[in-house]
PDB file of N, CA and C in Angstrom:
ATOM      1  N   MET A   1     154.492 265.520  53.656  1.00  0.00           N
ATOM      2  CA  MET A   1     155.802 266.107  53.447  1.00  0.00           C
ATOM      3  C   MET A   1     155.800 267.554  53.941  1.00  0.00           C
ATOM      4  N   THR A   2     156.968 267.999  54.301  1.00  0.00           N
ATOM      5  CA  THR A   2     157.126 269.405  54.657  1.00  0.00           C
ATOM      6  C   THR A   2     157.615 270.166  53.425  1.00  0.00           C
ATOM      7  N   LEU A   3     157.572 271.472  53.498  1.00  0.00           N
ATOM      8  CA  LEU A   3     158.086 272.275  52.394  1.00  0.00           C
ATOM      9  C   LEU A   3     159.565 271.988  52.169  1.00  0.00           C
ATOM     10  N   ALA A   4     160.325 271.854  53.239  1.00  0.00           N
ATOM     11  CA  ALA A   4     161.756 271.554  53.104  1.00  0.00           C
ATOM     12  C   ALA A   4     161.979 270.215  52.407  1.00  0.00           C
ATOM     13  N   GLU A   5     161.156 269.230  52.727  1.00  0.00           N
ATOM     14  CA  GLU A   5     161.283 267.918  52.081  1.00  0.00           C
ATOM     15  C   GLU A   5     160.921 267.992  50.603  1.00  0.00           C
ATOM     16  N   ILE A   6     159.907 268.765  50.277  1.00  0.00           N
ATOM     17  CA  ILE A   6     159.534 268.929  48.873  1.00  0.00           C
ATOM     18  C   ILE A   6     160.649 269.620  48.109  1.00  0.00           C
ATOM     19  N   LYS A   7     161.224 270.666  48.702  1.00  0.00           N
ATOM     20  CA  LYS A   7     162.322 271.387  48.045  1.00  0.00           C
ATOM     21  C   LYS A   7     163.529 270.493  47.842  1.00  0.00           C
ATOM     22  N   ALA A   8     163.824 269.629  48.806  1.00  0.00           N
ATOM     23  CA  ALA A   8     165.001 268.758  48.731  1.00  0.00           C
ATOM     24  C   ALA A   8     164.779 267.549  47.830  1.00  0.00           C
ATOM     25  N   SER A   9     163.539 267.251  47.535  1.00  0.00           N
ATOM     26  CA  SER A   9     163.197 266.074  46.746  1.00  0.00           C
ATOM     27  C   SER A   9     163.623 266.241  45.294  1.00  0.00           C
ATOM     28  N   ASP A  10     163.836 265.107  44.637  1.00  0.00           N
ATOM     29  CA  ASP A  10     164.106 265.144  43.201  1.00  0.00           C
ATOM     30  C   ASP A  10     162.938 264.537  42.418  1.00  0.00           C
ATOM     31  N   LYS A  11     161.818 264.331  43.121  1.00  0.00           N
ATOM     32  CA  LYS A  11     160.635 263.782  42.468  1.00  0.00           C
ATOM     33  C   LYS A  11     160.094 264.780  41.452  1.00  0.00           C
ATOM     34  N   MET A  12     159.625 264.267  40.347  1.00  0.00           N
ATOM     35  CA  MET A  12     159.026 265.121  39.337  1.00  0.00           C
ATOM     36  C   MET A  12     157.586 265.470  39.698  1.00  0.00           C
ATOM     37  N   TRP A  13     156.855 264.515  40.292  1.00  0.00           N
ATOM     38  CA  TRP A  13     155.448 264.683  40.599  1.00  0.00           C
ATOM     39  C   TRP A  13     155.194 264.518  42.086  1.00  0.00           C
ATOM     40  N   LEU A  14     154.242 265.276  42.598  1.00  0.00           N
ATOM     41  CA  LEU A  14     153.796 265.167  43.984  1.00  0.00           C
ATOM     42  C   LEU A  14     152.340 264.720  43.989  1.00  0.00           C
ATOM     43  N   THR A  15     151.904 264.234  45.131  1.00  0.00           N
ATOM     44  CA  THR A  15     150.508 263.815  45.279  1.00  0.00           C
ATOM     45  C   THR A  15     149.775 264.805  46.182  1.00  0.00           C
ATOM     46  N   PRO A  16     148.460 264.796  46.132  1.00  0.00           N
ATOM     47  CA  PRO A  16     147.701 265.648  47.052  1.00  0.00           C
ATOM     48  C   PRO A  16     148.036 265.367  48.522  1.00  0.00           C
ATOM     49  N   ASP A  17     148.290 264.115  48.873  1.00  0.00           N
ATOM     50  CA  ASP A  17     148.657 263.777  50.250  1.00  0.00           C
ATOM     51  C   ASP A  17     149.961 264.461  50.669  1.00  0.00           C
ATOM     52  N   GLU A  18     150.886 264.622  49.725  1.00  0.00           N
ATOM     53  CA  GLU A  18     152.173 265.232  50.038  1.00  0.00           C
ATOM     54  C   GLU A  18     152.087 266.749  50.172  1.00  0.00           C
ATOM     55  N   ILE A  19     151.245 267.379  49.368  1.00  0.00           N
ATOM     56  CA  ILE A  19     151.195 268.852  49.418  1.00  0.00           C
ATOM     57  C   ILE A  19     150.169 269.396  50.404  1.00  0.00           C
ATOM     58  N   ALA A  20     149.210 268.570  50.800  1.00  0.00           N
ATOM     59  CA  ALA A  20     148.135 269.035  51.682  1.00  0.00           C
ATOM     60  C   ALA A  20     148.642 269.713  52.958  1.00  0.00           C
ATOM     61  N   PRO A  21     149.608 269.130  53.680  1.00  0.00           N
ATOM     62  CA  PRO A  21     150.072 269.799  54.905  1.00  0.00           C
ATOM     63  C   PRO A  21     150.749 271.146  54.627  1.00  0.00           C
ATOM     64  N   VAL A  22     151.355 271.264  53.462  1.00  0.00           N
ATOM     65  CA  VAL A  22     152.090 272.487  53.121  1.00  0.00           C
ATOM     66  C   VAL A  22     151.135 273.647  52.864  1.00  0.00           C
ATOM     67  N   ILE A  23     150.018 273.362  52.221  1.00  0.00           N
ATOM     68  CA  ILE A  23     149.080 274.447  51.911  1.00  0.00           C
ATOM     69  C   ILE A  23     147.912 274.494  52.887  1.00  0.00           C
ATOM     70  N   GLY A  24     147.903 273.601  53.859  1.00  0.00           N
ATOM     71  CA  GLY A  24     146.865 273.634  54.882  1.00  0.00           C
ATOM     72  C   GLY A  24     145.493 273.231  54.381  1.00  0.00           C
ATOM     73  N   ALA A  25     145.463 272.208  53.544  1.00  0.00           N
ATOM     74  CA  ALA A  25     144.199 271.727  52.994  1.00  0.00           C
ATOM     75  C   ALA A  25     144.122 270.212  53.155  1.00  0.00           C
ATOM     76  N   HIS A  26     142.943 269.681  52.970  1.00  0.00           N
ATOM     77  CA  HIS A  26     142.767 268.236  52.990  1.00  0.00           C
ATOM     78  C   HIS A  26     143.093 267.693  51.598  1.00  0.00           C
ATOM     79  N   ALA A  27     143.741 266.565  51.548  1.00  0.00           N
ATOM     80  CA  ALA A  27     144.114 265.961  50.271  1.00  0.00           C
ATOM     81  C   ALA A  27     142.898 265.714  49.390  1.00  0.00           C
ATOM     82  N   GLN A  28     141.810 265.266  49.987  1.00  0.00           N
ATOM     83  CA  GLN A  28     140.605 264.998  49.192  1.00  0.00           C
ATOM     84  C   GLN A  28     140.025 266.281  48.602  1.00  0.00           C
ATOM     85  N   SER A  29     140.158 267.389  49.295  1.00  0.00           N
ATOM     86  CA  SER A  29     139.703 268.670  48.749  1.00  0.00           C
ATOM     87  C   SER A  29     140.534 269.079  47.550  1.00  0.00           C
ATOM     88  N   ILE A  30     141.831 268.797  47.602  1.00  0.00           N
ATOM     89  CA  ILE A  30     142.712 269.091  46.465  1.00  0.00           C
ATOM     90  C   ILE A  30     142.308 268.228  45.274  1.00  0.00           C
ATOM     91  N   ARG A  31     142.050 266.949  45.520  1.00  0.00           N
ATOM     92  CA  ARG A  31     141.624 266.046  44.437  1.00  0.00           C
ATOM     93  C   ARG A  31     140.316 266.524  43.808  1.00  0.00           C
ATOM     94  N   ALA A  32     139.361 266.910  44.634  1.00  0.00           N
ATOM     95  CA  ALA A  32     138.072 267.371  44.122  1.00  0.00           C
ATOM     96  C   ALA A  32     138.235 268.642  43.294  1.00  0.00           C
ATOM     97  N   ALA A  33     139.031 269.572  43.780  1.00  0.00           N
ATOM     98  CA  ALA A  33     139.261 270.813  43.034  1.00  0.00           C
ATOM     99  C   ALA A  33     139.980 270.530  41.715  1.00  0.00           C
ATOM    100  N   ALA A  34     140.912 269.589  41.733  1.00  0.00           N
ATOM    101  CA  ALA A  34     141.646 269.239  40.514  1.00  0.00           C
ATOM    102  C   ALA A  34     140.710 268.701  39.434  1.00  0.00           C
ATOM    103  N   ARG A  35     139.677 268.002  39.847  1.00  0.00           N
ATOM    104  CA  ARG A  35     138.703 267.460  38.895  1.00  0.00           C
ATOM    105  C   ARG A  35     137.702 268.511  38.427  1.00  0.00           C
ATOM    106  N   GLU A  36     137.209 269.291  39.365  1.00  0.00           N
ATOM    107  CA  GLU A  36     136.093 270.189  39.071  1.00  0.00           C
ATOM    108  C   GLU A  36     136.519 271.560  38.540  1.00  0.00           C
ATOM    109  N   LYS A  37     137.511 272.187  39.175  1.00  0.00           N
ATOM    110  CA  LYS A  37     137.944 273.526  38.772  1.00  0.00           C
ATOM    111  C   LYS A  37     139.444 273.677  39.014  1.00  0.00           C
ATOM    112  N   PRO A  38     140.261 272.995  38.231  1.00  0.00           N
ATOM    113  CA  PRO A  38     141.706 273.025  38.468  1.00  0.00           C
ATOM    114  C   PRO A  38     142.312 274.422  38.366  1.00  0.00           C
ATOM    115  N   GLU A  39     141.696 275.293  37.591  1.00  0.00           N
ATOM    116  CA  GLU A  39     142.231 276.651  37.426  1.00  0.00           C
ATOM    117  C   GLU A  39     142.193 277.445  38.727  1.00  0.00           C
ATOM    118  N   LEU A  40     141.359 277.059  39.653  1.00  0.00           N
ATOM    119  CA  LEU A  40     141.259 277.770  40.926  1.00  0.00           C
ATOM    120  C   LEU A  40     142.352 277.383  41.922  1.00  0.00           C
ATOM    121  N   LEU A  41     143.063 276.303  41.656  1.00  0.00           N
ATOM    122  CA  LEU A  41     144.110 275.874  42.575  1.00  0.00           C
ATOM    123  C   LEU A  41     145.316 276.818  42.564  1.00  0.00           C
ATOM    124  N   GLY A  42     145.637 277.361  41.413  1.00  0.00           N
ATOM    125  CA  GLY A  42     146.783 278.264  41.323  1.00  0.00           C
ATOM    126  C   GLY A  42     148.066 277.586  40.902  1.00  0.00           C
ATOM    127  N   PHE A  43     148.055 276.280  40.823  1.00  0.00           N
ATOM    128  CA  PHE A  43     149.209 275.509  40.351  1.00  0.00           C
ATOM    129  C   PHE A  43     148.681 274.413  39.428  1.00  0.00           C
ATOM    130  N   PRO A  44     149.515 273.948  38.497  1.00  0.00           N
ATOM    131  CA  PRO A  44     149.044 272.940  37.546  1.00  0.00           C
ATOM    132  C   PRO A  44     148.834 271.582  38.209  1.00  0.00           C
ATOM    133  N   VAL A  45     147.879 270.860  37.698  1.00  0.00           N
ATOM    134  CA  VAL A  45     147.605 269.495  38.146  1.00  0.00           C
ATOM    135  C   VAL A  45     147.325 268.630  36.927  1.00  0.00           C
ATOM    136  N   THR A  46     147.551 267.349  37.085  1.00  0.00           N
ATOM    137  CA  THR A  46     147.211 266.377  36.056  1.00  0.00           C
ATOM    138  C   THR A  46     146.337 265.328  36.712  1.00  0.00           C
ATOM    139  N   VAL A  47     145.177 265.066  36.115  1.00  0.00           N
ATOM    140  CA  VAL A  47     144.270 264.049  36.625  1.00  0.00           C
ATOM    141  C   VAL A  47     144.111 262.984  35.545  1.00  0.00           C
ATOM    142  N   VAL A  48     144.425 261.750  35.925  1.00  0.00           N
ATOM    143  CA  VAL A  48     144.249 260.614  35.028  1.00  0.00           C
ATOM    144  C   VAL A  48     143.500 259.547  35.818  1.00  0.00           C
ATOM    145  N   GLY A  49     142.274 259.306  35.422  1.00  0.00           N
ATOM    146  CA  GLY A  49     141.451 258.352  36.165  1.00  0.00           C
ATOM    147  C   GLY A  49     141.230 258.866  37.578  1.00  0.00           C
ATOM    148  N   THR A  50     141.655 258.075  38.556  1.00  0.00           N
ATOM    149  CA  THR A  50     141.502 258.487  39.955  1.00  0.00           C
ATOM    150  C   THR A  50     142.782 259.104  40.520  1.00  0.00           C
ATOM    151  N   ARG A  51     143.797 259.210  39.706  1.00  0.00           N
ATOM    152  CA  ARG A  51     145.092 259.743  40.165  1.00  0.00           C
ATOM    153  C   ARG A  51     145.206 261.237  39.904  1.00  0.00           C
ATOM    154  N   THR A  52     145.678 261.950  40.899  1.00  0.00           N
ATOM    155  CA  THR A  52     145.939 263.381  40.768  1.00  0.00           C
ATOM    156  C   THR A  52     147.412 263.602  41.055  1.00  0.00           C
ATOM    157  N   ARG A  53     148.096 264.270  40.148  1.00  0.00           N
ATOM    158  CA  ARG A  53     149.522 264.534  40.299  1.00  0.00           C
ATOM    159  C   ARG A  53     149.774 266.021  40.124  1.00  0.00           C
ATOM    160  N   ILE A  54     150.754 266.517  40.876  1.00  0.00           N
ATOM    161  CA  ILE A  54     151.134 267.926  40.834  1.00  0.00           C
ATOM    162  C   ILE A  54     152.609 267.994  40.481  1.00  0.00           C
ATOM    163  N   PRO A  55     152.981 268.702  39.415  1.00  0.00           N
ATOM    164  CA  PRO A  55     154.402 268.825  39.093  1.00  0.00           C
ATOM    165  C   PRO A  55     155.125 269.633  40.182  1.00  0.00           C
ATOM    166  N   ARG A  56     156.212 269.096  40.699  1.00  0.00           N
ATOM    167  CA  ARG A  56     156.906 269.669  41.851  1.00  0.00           C
ATOM    168  C   ARG A  56     157.422 271.084  41.596  1.00  0.00           C
ATOM    169  N   LYS A  57     158.127 271.300  40.504  1.00  0.00           N
ATOM    170  CA  LYS A  57     158.728 272.617  40.268  1.00  0.00           C
ATOM    171  C   LYS A  57     157.681 273.725  40.117  1.00  0.00           C
ATOM    172  N   PRO A  58     156.638 273.524  39.312  1.00  0.00           N
ATOM    173  CA  PRO A  58     155.600 274.566  39.257  1.00  0.00           C
ATOM    174  C   PRO A  58     154.898 274.782  40.594  1.00  0.00           C
ATOM    175  N   PHE A  59     154.758 273.729  41.393  1.00  0.00           N
ATOM    176  CA  PHE A  59     154.156 273.888  42.713  1.00  0.00           C
ATOM    177  C   PHE A  59     155.041 274.769  43.590  1.00  0.00           C
ATOM    178  N   LEU A  60     156.350 274.542  43.539  1.00  0.00           N
ATOM    179  CA  LEU A  60     157.276 275.381  44.309  1.00  0.00           C
ATOM    180  C   LEU A  60     157.246 276.828  43.812  1.00  0.00           C
ATOM    181  N   GLN A  61     157.099 277.018  42.501  1.00  0.00           N
ATOM    182  CA  GLN A  61     156.992 278.370  41.953  1.00  0.00           C
ATOM    183  C   GLN A  61     155.729 279.048  42.480  1.00  0.00           C
ATOM    184  N   PHE A  62     154.639 278.308  42.538  1.00  0.00           N
ATOM    185  CA  PHE A  62     153.389 278.828  43.084  1.00  0.00           C
ATOM    186  C   PHE A  62     153.578 279.317  44.513  1.00  0.00           C
ATOM    187  N   LEU A  63     154.380 278.595  45.292  1.00  0.00           N
ATOM    188  CA  LEU A  63     154.648 278.978  46.671  1.00  0.00           C
ATOM    189  C   LEU A  63     155.698 280.075  46.801  1.00  0.00           C
ATOM    190  N   GLY A  64     156.330 280.426  45.680  1.00  0.00           N
ATOM    191  CA  GLY A  64     157.400 281.425  45.712  1.00  0.00           C
ATOM    192  C   GLY A  64     158.695 280.852  46.232  1.00  0.00           C
ATOM    193  N   GLU A  65     158.857 279.536  46.115  1.00  0.00           N
ATOM    194  CA  GLU A  65     160.021 278.844  46.676  1.00  0.00           C
ATOM    195  C   GLU A  65     160.944 278.281  45.626  1.00  0.00           C
ATOM    196  N   ALA A  66     160.705 278.535  44.356  1.00  0.00           N
ATOM    197  CA  ALA A  66     161.549 277.961  43.318  1.00  0.00           C
ATOM    198  C   ALA A  66     162.883 278.680  43.288  1.00  0.00           C
ATOM    199  N   ASP A  67     163.935 277.918  43.141  1.00  0.00           N
ATOM    200  CA  ASP A  67     165.274 278.518  43.058  1.00  0.00           C
ATOM    201  C   ASP A  67     165.735 278.463  41.613  1.00  0.00           C
ATOM    202  N   GLY A  68     165.414 279.524  40.907  1.00  0.00           N
ATOM    203  CA  GLY A  68     165.846 279.667  39.536  1.00  0.00           C
ATOM    204  C   GLY A  68     165.005 278.902  38.623  1.00  0.00           C
TER     205      GLY A  68
END
C-alpha cells in the first residue's frame, strides 16, 4: 500500500506487508521487531501467534499524517 491508500482506507488494522513500502523496510523485519523489541518500532503493534497487526490511526500519527 502507499501512504495515500493507507490514509484513504477505513481499515482498523494494517499488516507488515502493507506498511513495509511506506517506511522502507522489509515486512519480515517488521514482524521480527514486533516480536523481539516492539518498543523500538515507534508505533504500536499487536502480535498474536504468527500474526502481526498495526493499528492504522496510531501508525498514521507516528508518520505525522493523522488528521485530527
